[in-house]
Structure formats: structure tokens, C-alpha cells
Amino acid sequence: HMARDEDSRFTLFLGDYIYESAGRPLSPEKGIVRSYGDLPEADSLANYRRRYALHHSDPDLRALHAAAPAIAIWDDHEVQDDYS
């Protein structure tokens, strides 16, 4: 929707752009927000790169990035939980 119908100067990602765990449950009824298949947990640079490449293979995300620059910011819990 955003890539097609919005005339934006940029896209702002608030929070997690890539999750390090196996997948985030949205709710018991809806299942996993994004499945990472057999990719291991992102606990190393190589595994983060695999996760990043998987995200960027999504056609909708590719269209969004082609439509406008992306700005990603940290989640609030990154500072509170484990920033240092």
C-alpha cells in the first residue's frame, strides 16, 4: 500500500526492522508475524546478514525501499534493556 498509494519523502521504521529470534507471535489465533524458516537465531554477523537478505527478498519491501528512502530508529527497549 505504502509503495503504491502514498507520496512520501521517506519511510520511517519505528522499532525492530529485523528480529533476532525465530519469529514473533502476533497472537495465538494469527500465528507468526514473519517466519524465518530454518534460519538460525541471529546471534552473529553472518546470521544477521542472512536475516537481512531474507527481508530484502520480499517484493513488497523492495517496492517500498524503491519508492522512498528508509530511516530506521532504535526501539525504546534497546536503550533500556541492553544498549550498553
PDB file of N, CA and C in Angstrom:
ATOM      1  N   HIS A   1       0.827  -1.198   0.000  1.00  0.00           N
ATOM      2  CA  HIS A   1       0.000   0.000   0.000  1.00  0.00           C
ATOM      3  C   HIS A   1       0.871   1.263   0.000  1.00  0.00           C
ATOM      4  N   MET A   2       1.858   1.285   0.885  1.00  0.00           N
ATOM      5  CA  MET A   2       2.666   2.494   1.009  1.00  0.00           C
ATOM      6  C   MET A   2       3.460   2.773  -0.264  1.00  0.00           C
ATOM      7  N   ALA A   3       3.984   1.752  -0.883  1.00  0.00           N
ATOM      8  CA  ALA A   3       4.768   1.954  -2.100  1.00  0.00           C
ATOM      9  C   ALA A   3       3.899   2.401  -3.264  1.00  0.00           C
ATOM     10  N   ARG A   4       2.676   1.915  -3.310  1.00  0.00           N
ATOM     11  CA  ARG A   4       1.767   2.222  -4.418  1.00  0.00           C
ATOM     12  C   ARG A   4       1.020   3.524  -4.235  1.00  0.00           C
ATOM     13  N   ASP A   5       0.459   3.735  -3.047  1.00  0.00           N
ATOM     14  CA  ASP A   5      -0.559   4.758  -2.858  1.00  0.00           C
ATOM     15  C   ASP A   5      -0.129   5.987  -2.074  1.00  0.00           C
ATOM     16  N   GLU A   6       1.045   5.980  -1.522  1.00  0.00           N
ATOM     17  CA  GLU A   6       1.478   7.118  -0.714  1.00  0.00           C
ATOM     18  C   GLU A   6       2.539   7.913  -1.458  1.00  0.00           C
ATOM     19  N   ASP A   7       2.484   9.199  -1.338  1.00  0.00           N
ATOM     20  CA  ASP A   7       3.508  10.066  -1.915  1.00  0.00           C
ATOM     21  C   ASP A   7       4.381  10.551  -0.764  1.00  0.00           C
ATOM     22  N   SER A   8       5.341   9.719  -0.365  1.00  0.00           N
ATOM     23  CA  SER A   8       6.155  10.007   0.814  1.00  0.00           C
ATOM     24  C   SER A   8       7.560  10.421   0.416  1.00  0.00           C
ATOM     25  N   ARG A   9       8.133  11.260   1.249  1.00  0.00           N
ATOM     26  CA  ARG A   9       9.523  11.645   1.041  1.00  0.00           C
ATOM     27  C   ARG A   9      10.463  10.614   1.645  1.00  0.00           C
ATOM     28  N   PHE A  10       9.981   9.859   2.639  1.00  0.00           N
ATOM     29  CA  PHE A  10      10.768   8.802   3.268  1.00  0.00           C
ATOM     30  C   PHE A  10       9.830   7.861   4.011  1.00  0.00           C
ATOM     31  N   THR A  11      10.366   6.717   4.403  1.00  0.00           N
ATOM     32  CA  THR A  11       9.641   5.760   5.236  1.00  0.00           C
ATOM     33  C   THR A  11      10.379   5.672   6.562  1.00  0.00           C
ATOM     34  N   LEU A  12       9.678   5.814   7.654  1.00  0.00           N
ATOM     35  CA  LEU A  12      10.281   5.756   8.980  1.00  0.00           C
ATOM     36  C   LEU A  12       9.903   4.433   9.630  1.00  0.00           C
ATOM     37  N   PHE A  13      10.902   3.637   9.959  1.00  0.00           N
ATOM     38  CA  PHE A  13      10.687   2.369  10.651  1.00  0.00           C
ATOM     39  C   PHE A  13      10.882   2.610  12.140  1.00  0.00           C
ATOM     40  N   LEU A  14       9.827   2.474  12.902  1.00  0.00           N
ATOM     41  CA  LEU A  14       9.875   2.676  14.348  1.00  0.00           C
ATOM     42  C   LEU A  14      10.033   1.328  15.032  1.00  0.00           C
ATOM     43  N   GLY A  15      11.220   1.067  15.506  1.00  0.00           N
ATOM     44  CA  GLY A  15      11.415  -0.186  16.225  1.00  0.00           C
ATOM     45  C   GLY A  15      12.158  -1.217  15.413  1.00  0.00           C
ATOM     46  N   ASP A  16      11.873  -2.464  15.720  1.00  0.00           N
ATOM     47  CA  ASP A  16      12.630  -3.570  15.143  1.00  0.00           C
ATOM     48  C   ASP A  16      12.403  -3.693  13.644  1.00  0.00           C
ATOM     49  N   TYR A  17      13.482  -3.660  12.906  1.00  0.00           N
ATOM     50  CA  TYR A  17      13.446  -3.873  11.466  1.00  0.00           C
ATOM     51  C   TYR A  17      13.688  -5.351  11.176  1.00  0.00           C
ATOM     52  N   ILE A  18      14.537  -5.962  11.984  1.00  0.00           N
ATOM     53  CA  ILE A  18      14.833  -7.392  11.906  1.00  0.00           C
ATOM     54  C   ILE A  18      14.794  -7.946  13.323  1.00  0.00           C
ATOM     55  N   TYR A  19      14.074  -9.044  13.502  1.00  0.00           N
ATOM     56  CA  TYR A  19      14.061  -9.727  14.800  1.00  0.00           C
ATOM     57  C   TYR A  19      15.155 -10.782  14.831  1.00  0.00           C
ATOM     58  N   GLU A  20      15.780 -10.931  15.981  1.00  0.00           N
ATOM     59  CA  GLU A  20      16.851 -11.918  16.084  1.00  0.00           C
ATOM     60  C   GLU A  20      16.349 -13.319  16.400  1.00  0.00           C
ATOM     61  N   SER A  21      15.135 -13.438  16.920  1.00  0.00           N
ATOM     62  CA  SER A  21      14.608 -14.752  17.294  1.00  0.00           C
ATOM     63  C   SER A  21      13.985 -15.458  16.094  1.00  0.00           C
ATOM     64  N   ALA A  22      13.430 -16.626  16.315  1.00  0.00           N
ATOM     65  CA  ALA A  22      12.894 -17.457  15.231  1.00  0.00           C
ATOM     66  C   ALA A  22      11.655 -16.862  14.575  1.00  0.00           C
ATOM     67  N   GLY A  23      10.938 -16.027  15.236  1.00  0.00           N
ATOM     68  CA  GLY A  23       9.729 -15.411  14.700  1.00  0.00           C
ATOM     69  C   GLY A  23       8.929 -14.840  15.849  1.00  0.00           C
ATOM     70  N   ARG A  24       8.158 -13.838  15.603  1.00  0.00           N
ATOM     71  CA  ARG A  24       7.387 -13.191  16.658  1.00  0.00           C
ATOM     72  C   ARG A  24       5.922 -13.570  16.533  1.00  0.00           C
ATOM     73  N   PRO A  25       5.351 -14.188  17.579  1.00  0.00           N
ATOM     74  CA  PRO A  25       3.915 -14.478  17.507  1.00  0.00           C
ATOM     75  C   PRO A  25       3.107 -13.192  17.639  1.00  0.00           C
ATOM     76  N   LEU A  26       2.157 -13.007  16.738  1.00  0.00           N
ATOM     77  CA  LEU A  26       1.259 -11.868  16.809  1.00  0.00           C
ATOM     78  C   LEU A  26       0.187 -12.147  17.844  1.00  0.00           C
ATOM     79  N   SER A  27      -0.401 -13.312  17.753  1.00  0.00           N
ATOM     80  CA  SER A  27      -1.390 -13.787  18.715  1.00  0.00           C
ATOM     81  C   SER A  27      -1.557 -15.283  18.499  1.00  0.00           C
ATOM     82  N   PRO A  28      -2.091 -16.011  19.473  1.00  0.00           N
ATOM     83  CA  PRO A  28      -2.291 -17.459  19.287  1.00  0.00           C
ATOM     84  C   PRO A  28      -3.188 -17.767  18.085  1.00  0.00           C
ATOM     85  N   GLU A  29      -4.117 -16.883  17.780  1.00  0.00           N
ATOM     86  CA  GLU A  29      -5.033 -17.113  16.663  1.00  0.00           C
ATOM     87  C   GLU A  29      -4.381 -16.848  15.314  1.00  0.00           C
ATOM     88  N   LYS A  30      -3.476 -15.877  15.254  1.00  0.00           N
ATOM     89  CA  LYS A  30      -2.913 -15.450  13.974  1.00  0.00           C
ATOM     90  C   LYS A  30      -1.556 -16.056  13.670  1.00  0.00           C
ATOM     91  N   GLY A  31      -0.892 -16.634  14.650  1.00  0.00           N
ATOM     92  CA  GLY A  31       0.388 -17.286  14.389  1.00  0.00           C
ATOM     93  C   GLY A  31       1.556 -16.329  14.335  1.00  0.00           C
ATOM     94  N   ILE A  32       2.523 -16.630  13.500  1.00  0.00           N
ATOM     95  CA  ILE A  32       3.779 -15.906  13.424  1.00  0.00           C
ATOM     96  C   ILE A  32       3.658 -14.700  12.486  1.00  0.00           C
ATOM     97  N   VAL A  33       4.185 -13.570  12.912  1.00  0.00           N
ATOM     98  CA  VAL A  33       4.192 -12.367  12.081  1.00  0.00           C
ATOM     99  C   VAL A  33       5.077 -12.606  10.859  1.00  0.00           C
ATOM    100  N   ARG A  34       6.271 -13.066  11.068  1.00  0.00           N
ATOM    101  CA  ARG A  34       7.187 -13.388   9.973  1.00  0.00           C
ATOM    102  C   ARG A  34       7.955 -14.631  10.369  1.00  0.00           C
ATOM    103  N   SER A  35       7.916 -15.611   9.498  1.00  0.00           N
ATOM    104  CA  SER A  35       8.652 -16.848   9.736  1.00  0.00           C
ATOM    105  C   SER A  35      10.034 -16.741   9.102  1.00  0.00           C
ATOM    106  N   TYR A  36      11.025 -17.243   9.799  1.00  0.00           N
ATOM    107  CA  TYR A  36      12.378 -17.243   9.269  1.00  0.00           C
ATOM    108  C   TYR A  36      12.788 -18.628   8.798  1.00  0.00           C
ATOM    109  N   GLY A  37      11.821 -19.537   8.682  1.00  0.00           N
ATOM    110  CA  GLY A  37      12.101 -20.873   8.177  1.00  0.00           C
ATOM    111  C   GLY A  37      13.166 -21.565   8.987  1.00  0.00           C
ATOM    112  N   ASP A  38      14.174 -22.088   8.316  1.00  0.00           N
ATOM    113  CA  ASP A  38      15.230 -22.822   9.017  1.00  0.00           C
ATOM    114  C   ASP A  38      16.455 -21.957   9.317  1.00  0.00           C
ATOM    115  N   LEU A  39      16.330 -20.639   9.175  1.00  0.00           N
ATOM    116  CA  LEU A  39      17.456 -19.772   9.531  1.00  0.00           C
ATOM    117  C   LEU A  39      17.695 -19.833  11.032  1.00  0.00           C
ATOM    118  N   PRO A  40      18.962 -19.889  11.452  1.00  0.00           N
ATOM    119  CA  PRO A  40      19.246 -19.894  12.888  1.00  0.00           C
ATOM    120  C   PRO A  40      18.965 -18.527  13.502  1.00  0.00           C
ATOM    121  N   GLU A  41      18.922 -18.498  14.825  1.00  0.00           N
ATOM    122  CA  GLU A  41      18.767 -17.223  15.521  1.00  0.00           C
ATOM    123  C   GLU A  41      19.891 -16.293  15.093  1.00  0.00           C
ATOM    124  N   ALA A  42      19.582 -15.027  14.954  1.00  0.00           N
ATOM    125  CA  ALA A  42      20.574 -14.040  14.516  1.00  0.00           C
ATOM    126  C   ALA A  42      21.461 -13.663  15.697  1.00  0.00           C
ATOM    127  N   ASP A  43      22.471 -14.480  15.929  1.00  0.00           N
ATOM    128  CA  ASP A  43      23.366 -14.255  17.059  1.00  0.00           C
ATOM    129  C   ASP A  43      24.804 -13.990  16.612  1.00  0.00           C
ATOM    130  N   SER A  44      24.981 -13.781  15.318  1.00  0.00           N
ATOM    131  CA  SER A  44      26.297 -13.465  14.774  1.00  0.00           C
ATOM    132  C   SER A  44      26.104 -12.548  13.568  1.00  0.00           C
ATOM    133  N   LEU A  45      27.172 -11.939  13.126  1.00  0.00           N
ATOM    134  CA  LEU A  45      27.086 -11.049  11.976  1.00  0.00           C
ATOM    135  C   LEU A  45      26.598 -11.820  10.740  1.00  0.00           C
ATOM    136  N   ALA A  46      27.103 -13.017  10.529  1.00  0.00           N
ATOM    137  CA  ALA A  46      26.687 -13.821   9.368  1.00  0.00           C
ATOM    138  C   ALA A  46      25.197 -14.139   9.424  1.00  0.00           C
ATOM    139  N   ASN A  47      24.694 -14.466  10.607  1.00  0.00           N
ATOM    140  CA  ASN A  47      23.266 -14.787  10.730  1.00  0.00           C
ATOM    141  C   ASN A  47      22.389 -13.545  10.571  1.00  0.00           C
ATOM    142  N   TYR A  48      22.860 -12.401  11.043  1.00  0.00           N
ATOM    143  CA  TYR A  48      22.116 -11.153  10.808  1.00  0.00           C
ATOM    144  C   TYR A  48      22.084 -10.829   9.311  1.00  0.00           C
ATOM    145  N   ARG A  49      23.183 -11.065   8.632  1.00  0.00           N
ATOM    146  CA  ARG A  49      23.209 -10.804   7.193  1.00  0.00           C
ATOM    147  C   ARG A  49      22.232 -11.721   6.450  1.00  0.00           C
ATOM    148  N   ARG A  50      22.120 -12.972   6.868  1.00  0.00           N
ATOM    149  CA  ARG A  50      21.144 -13.882   6.256  1.00  0.00           C
ATOM    150  C   ARG A  50      19.725 -13.376   6.490  1.00  0.00           C
ATOM    151  N   ARG A  51      19.453 -12.946   7.694  1.00  0.00           N
ATOM    152  CA  ARG A  51      18.123 -12.431   8.048  1.00  0.00           C
ATOM    153  C   ARG A  51      17.809 -11.167   7.246  1.00  0.00           C
ATOM    154  N   TYR A  52      18.775 -10.289   7.138  1.00  0.00           N
ATOM    155  CA  TYR A  52      18.617  -9.047   6.375  1.00  0.00           C
ATOM    156  C   TYR A  52      18.336  -9.363   4.903  1.00  0.00           C
ATOM    157  N   ALA A  53      19.090 -10.317   4.343  1.00  0.00           N
ATOM    158  CA  ALA A  53      18.887 -10.713   2.948  1.00  0.00           C
ATOM    159  C   ALA A  53      17.498 -11.306   2.746  1.00  0.00           C
ATOM    160  N   LEU A  54      17.013 -12.073   3.707  1.00  0.00           N
ATOM    161  CA  LEU A  54      15.667 -12.638   3.601  1.00  0.00           C
ATOM    162  C   LEU A  54      14.631 -11.522   3.563  1.00  0.00           C
ATOM    163  N   HIS A  55      14.748 -10.552   4.450  1.00  0.00           N
ATOM    164  CA  HIS A  55      13.810  -9.422   4.450  1.00  0.00           C
ATOM    165  C   HIS A  55      13.828  -8.710   3.103  1.00  0.00           C
ATOM    166  N   HIS A  56      15.005  -8.494   2.586  1.00  0.00           N
ATOM    167  CA  HIS A  56      15.128  -7.726   1.342  1.00  0.00           C
ATOM    168  C   HIS A  56      14.795  -8.537   0.099  1.00  0.00           C
ATOM    169  N   SER A  57      14.448  -9.793   0.268  1.00  0.00           N
ATOM    170  CA  SER A  57      13.945 -10.576  -0.866  1.00  0.00           C
ATOM    171  C   SER A  57      12.429 -10.442  -0.987  1.00  0.00           C
ATOM    172  N   ASP A  58      11.784  -9.831   0.000  1.00  0.00           N
ATOM    173  CA  ASP A  58      10.326  -9.641  -0.024  1.00  0.00           C
ATOM    174  C   ASP A  58       9.970  -8.583  -1.066  1.00  0.00           C
ATOM    175  N   PRO A  59       9.110  -8.909  -2.050  1.00  0.00           N
ATOM    176  CA  PRO A  59       8.800  -7.948  -3.111  1.00  0.00           C
ATOM    177  C   PRO A  59       8.135  -6.661  -2.617  1.00  0.00           C
ATOM    178  N   ASP A  60       7.307  -6.750  -1.594  1.00  0.00           N
ATOM    179  CA  ASP A  60       6.653  -5.544  -1.070  1.00  0.00           C
ATOM    180  C   ASP A  60       7.665  -4.615  -0.406  1.00  0.00           C
ATOM    181  N   LEU A  61       8.575  -5.177   0.357  1.00  0.00           N
ATOM    182  CA  LEU A  61       9.591  -4.348   0.999  1.00  0.00           C
ATOM    183  C   LEU A  61      10.536  -3.744  -0.040  1.00  0.00           C
ATOM    184  N   ARG A  62      10.863  -4.507  -1.063  1.00  0.00           N
ATOM    185  CA  ARG A  62      11.708  -3.981  -2.142  1.00  0.00           C
ATOM    186  C   ARG A  62      11.033  -2.792  -2.826  1.00  0.00           C
ATOM    187  N   ALA A  63       9.733  -2.900  -3.055  1.00  0.00           N
ATOM    188  CA  ALA A  63       8.989  -1.800  -3.682  1.00  0.00           C
ATOM    189  C   ALA A  63       8.959  -0.584  -2.772  1.00  0.00           C
ATOM    190  N   LEU A  64       8.793  -0.809  -1.463  1.00  0.00           N
ATOM    191  CA  LEU A  64       8.776   0.305  -0.519  1.00  0.00           C
ATOM    192  C   LEU A  64      10.116   1.022  -0.504  1.00  0.00           C
ATOM    193  N   HIS A  65      11.208   0.258  -0.477  1.00  0.00           N
ATOM    194  CA  HIS A  65      12.535   0.878  -0.481  1.00  0.00           C
ATOM    195  C   HIS A  65      12.819   1.584  -1.799  1.00  0.00           C
ATOM    196  N   ALA A  66      12.268   1.099  -2.887  1.00  0.00           N
ATOM    197  CA  ALA A  66      12.468   1.755  -4.178  1.00  0.00           C
ATOM    198  C   ALA A  66      11.673   3.057  -4.277  1.00  0.00           C
ATOM    199  N   ALA A  67      10.564   3.142  -3.541  1.00  0.00           N
ATOM    200  CA  ALA A  67       9.688   4.314  -3.617  1.00  0.00           C
ATOM    201  C   ALA A  67      10.222   5.506  -2.838  1.00  0.00           C
ATOM    202  N   ALA A  68      10.920   5.248  -1.733  1.00  0.00           N
ATOM    203  CA  ALA A  68      11.395   6.351  -0.889  1.00  0.00           C
ATOM    204  C   ALA A  68      12.520   5.857   0.010  1.00  0.00           C
ATOM    205  N   PRO A  69      13.406   6.752   0.429  1.00  0.00           N
ATOM    206  CA  PRO A  69      14.451   6.351   1.374  1.00  0.00           C
ATOM    207  C   PRO A  69      13.843   5.857   2.685  1.00  0.00           C
ATOM    208  N   ALA A  70      14.580   4.994   3.359  1.00  0.00           N
ATOM    209  CA  ALA A  70      14.125   4.441   4.638  1.00  0.00           C
ATOM    210  C   ALA A  70      15.007   4.959   5.770  1.00  0.00           C
ATOM    211  N   ILE A  71      14.362   5.272   6.871  1.00  0.00           N
ATOM    212  CA  ILE A  71      15.053   5.678   8.096  1.00  0.00           C
ATOM    213  C   ILE A  71      14.605   4.711   9.181  1.00  0.00           C
ATOM    214  N   ALA A  72      15.566   4.051   9.819  1.00  0.00           N
ATOM    215  CA  ALA A  72      15.245   3.127  10.910  1.00  0.00           C
ATOM    216  C   ALA A  72      15.794   3.701  12.206  1.00  0.00           C
ATOM    217  N   ILE A  73      15.011   3.619  13.265  1.00  0.00           N
ATOM    218  CA  ILE A  73      15.471   4.085  14.577  1.00  0.00           C
ATOM    219  C   ILE A  73      15.399   2.933  15.555  1.00  0.00           C
ATOM    220  N   TRP A  74      16.082   3.092  16.672  1.00  0.00           N
ATOM    221  CA  TRP A  74      16.097   2.058  17.692  1.00  0.00           C
ATOM    222  C   TRP A  74      14.765   1.979  18.394  1.00  0.00           C
ATOM    223  N   ASP A  75      14.464   0.789  18.860  1.00  0.00           N
ATOM    224  CA  ASP A  75      13.346   0.589  19.769  1.00  0.00           C
ATOM    225  C   ASP A  75      13.695   1.191  21.116  1.00  0.00           C
ATOM    226  N   ASP A  76      12.681   1.579  21.871  1.00  0.00           N
ATOM    227  CA  ASP A  76      12.953   2.119  23.202  1.00  0.00           C
ATOM    228  C   ASP A  76      13.593   1.073  24.104  1.00  0.00           C
ATOM    229  N   HIS A  77      13.256  -0.205  23.922  1.00  0.00           N
ATOM    230  CA  HIS A  77      13.830  -1.223  24.810  1.00  0.00           C
ATOM    231  C   HIS A  77      15.301  -1.466  24.518  1.00  0.00           C
ATOM    232  N   GLU A  78      15.809  -1.093  23.344  1.00  0.00           N
ATOM    233  CA  GLU A  78      17.233  -1.269  23.069  1.00  0.00           C
ATOM    234  C   GLU A  78      18.050  -0.410  24.019  1.00  0.00           C
ATOM    235  N   VAL A  79      17.591   0.780  24.313  1.00  0.00           N
ATOM    236  CA  VAL A  79      18.320   1.648  25.242  1.00  0.00           C
ATOM    237  C   VAL A  79      18.135   1.165  26.662  1.00  0.00           C
ATOM    238  N   GLN A  80      16.924   0.821  27.047  1.00  0.00           N
ATOM    239  CA  GLN A  80      16.656   0.433  28.426  1.00  0.00           C
ATOM    240  C   GLN A  80      17.217  -0.942  28.762  1.00  0.00           C
ATOM    241  N   ASP A  81      17.080  -1.910  27.853  1.00  0.00           N
ATOM    242  CA  ASP A  81      17.443  -3.293  28.179  1.00  0.00           C
ATOM    243  C   ASP A  81      18.916  -3.632  27.984  1.00  0.00           C
ATOM    244  N   ASP A  82      19.464  -3.268  26.819  1.00  0.00           N
ATOM    245  CA  ASP A  82      20.795  -3.777  26.522  1.00  0.00           C
ATOM    246  C   ASP A  82      21.642  -2.874  25.661  1.00  0.00           C
ATOM    247  N   TYR A  83      21.398  -1.607  25.712  1.00  0.00           N
ATOM    248  CA  TYR A  83      22.150  -0.675  24.874  1.00  0.00           C
ATOM    249  C   TYR A  83      23.641  -0.706  25.169  1.00  0.00           C
ATOM    250  N   SER A  84      23.998  -0.643  26.434  1.00  0.00           N
ATOM    251  CA  SER A  84      25.401  -0.577  26.786  1.00  0.00           C
ATOM    252  C   SER A  84      26.042  -1.945  26.774  1.00  0.00           C
TER     253      SER A  84
END
